[in-house]
Amino acid sequence: MEVSDARKLKSLEAENRQLQRLLAEQLLDNTMLRDVNSKKVVTPDAKREAVSYIQADFGVSERRTCAAMAVG
């Protein structure tokens, strides 16, 4: 294995780790949304309750929860 091959391999491994992290985050977001989707989340109070529920149940931040739910 030459130096250029080792660099390419290292670059591919780094890209693979990044893609795996992104996939894991997306799967978590989907799981959170499926868990809340069974409830009606229309009013601001219902949205607050859903955000609190997800934070407590999944242990994620309020910012991430609001981003996943598309709550401003």
Protein backbone atom coordinates (compact mmCIF):
# COMPACT_ATOMS: atom_id res chain seq x y z
CA MET A 1 0.00 0.00 0.00
CA GLU A 2 1.42 3.32 -1.02
CA VAL A 3 1.13 6.61 0.79
CA SER A 4 -1.51 7.93 -1.63
CA ASP A 5 -3.59 4.77 -1.12
CA ALA A 6 -3.37 5.18 2.65
CA ARG A 7 -4.51 8.80 2.38
CA LYS A 8 -7.46 7.83 0.20
CA LEU A 9 -8.42 5.08 2.64
CA LYS A 10 -8.19 7.47 5.59
CA SER A 11 -10.33 10.01 3.74
CA LEU A 12 -12.94 7.37 2.89
CA GLU A 13 -13.03 6.15 6.48
CA ALA A 14 -13.59 9.70 7.73
CA GLU A 15 -16.38 10.22 5.22
CA ASN A 16 -17.94 6.91 6.24
CA ARG A 17 -17.91 7.91 9.93
CA GLN A 18 -19.58 11.21 9.08
CA LEU A 19 -22.27 9.51 7.00
CA GLN A 20 -22.92 6.96 9.74
CA ARG A 21 -23.36 9.77 12.28
CA LEU A 22 -25.76 11.61 9.98
CA LEU A 23 -27.76 8.45 9.40
CA ALA A 24 -27.96 7.73 13.13
CA GLU A 25 -29.18 11.28 13.82
CA GLN A 26 -31.81 11.02 11.08
CA LEU A 27 -33.03 7.67 12.42
CA LEU A 28 -33.33 9.19 15.90
CA ASP A 29 -35.31 12.12 14.50
CA ASN A 30 -37.63 9.73 12.66
CA THR A 31 -38.15 7.67 15.81
CA MET A 32 -38.94 10.79 17.83
CA LEU A 33 -41.46 11.99 15.25
CA ARG A 34 -43.15 8.59 15.00
CA ASP A 35 -43.50 8.51 18.77
CA VAL A 36 -45.21 11.91 18.85
CA ASN A 37 -47.13 11.46 15.61
CA SER A 38 -49.81 9.42 17.36
CA LYS A 39 -50.88 12.55 19.23
CA LYS A 40 -52.45 15.70 17.83
CA VAL A 41 -49.87 18.47 17.93
CA VAL A 42 -51.65 21.53 16.60
CA THR A 43 -51.91 24.11 19.34
CA PRO A 44 -48.89 25.83 20.89
CA ASP A 45 -49.59 24.11 24.22
CA ALA A 46 -49.66 20.70 22.54
CA LYS A 47 -46.38 21.50 20.78
CA ARG A 48 -44.77 22.50 24.09
CA GLU A 49 -45.95 19.28 25.70
CA ALA A 50 -44.64 17.22 22.77
CA VAL A 51 -41.25 18.93 22.93
CA SER A 52 -41.05 18.32 26.69
CA TYR A 53 -42.07 14.70 26.21
CA ILE A 54 -39.41 14.06 23.55
CA GLN A 55 -36.73 15.78 25.62
CA ALA A 56 -37.50 13.63 28.63
CA ASP A 57 -38.01 10.38 26.71
CA PHE A 58 -35.07 10.60 24.30
CA GLY A 59 -32.71 12.86 26.23
CA VAL A 60 -32.16 15.33 23.41
CA SER A 61 -31.91 19.11 23.52
CA GLU A 62 -34.82 21.47 23.06
CA ARG A 63 -33.18 22.94 19.97
CA ARG A 64 -32.83 19.55 18.29
CA THR A 65 -36.37 18.57 19.22
CA CYS A 66 -37.82 21.77 17.79
CA ALA A 67 -35.77 21.36 14.61
CA ALA A 68 -36.99 17.78 14.14
CA MET A 69 -40.60 18.83 14.71
CA ALA A 70 -40.21 21.98 12.58
CA VAL A 71 -41.41 24.11 15.48
CA GLY A 72 -40.21 27.71 15.37
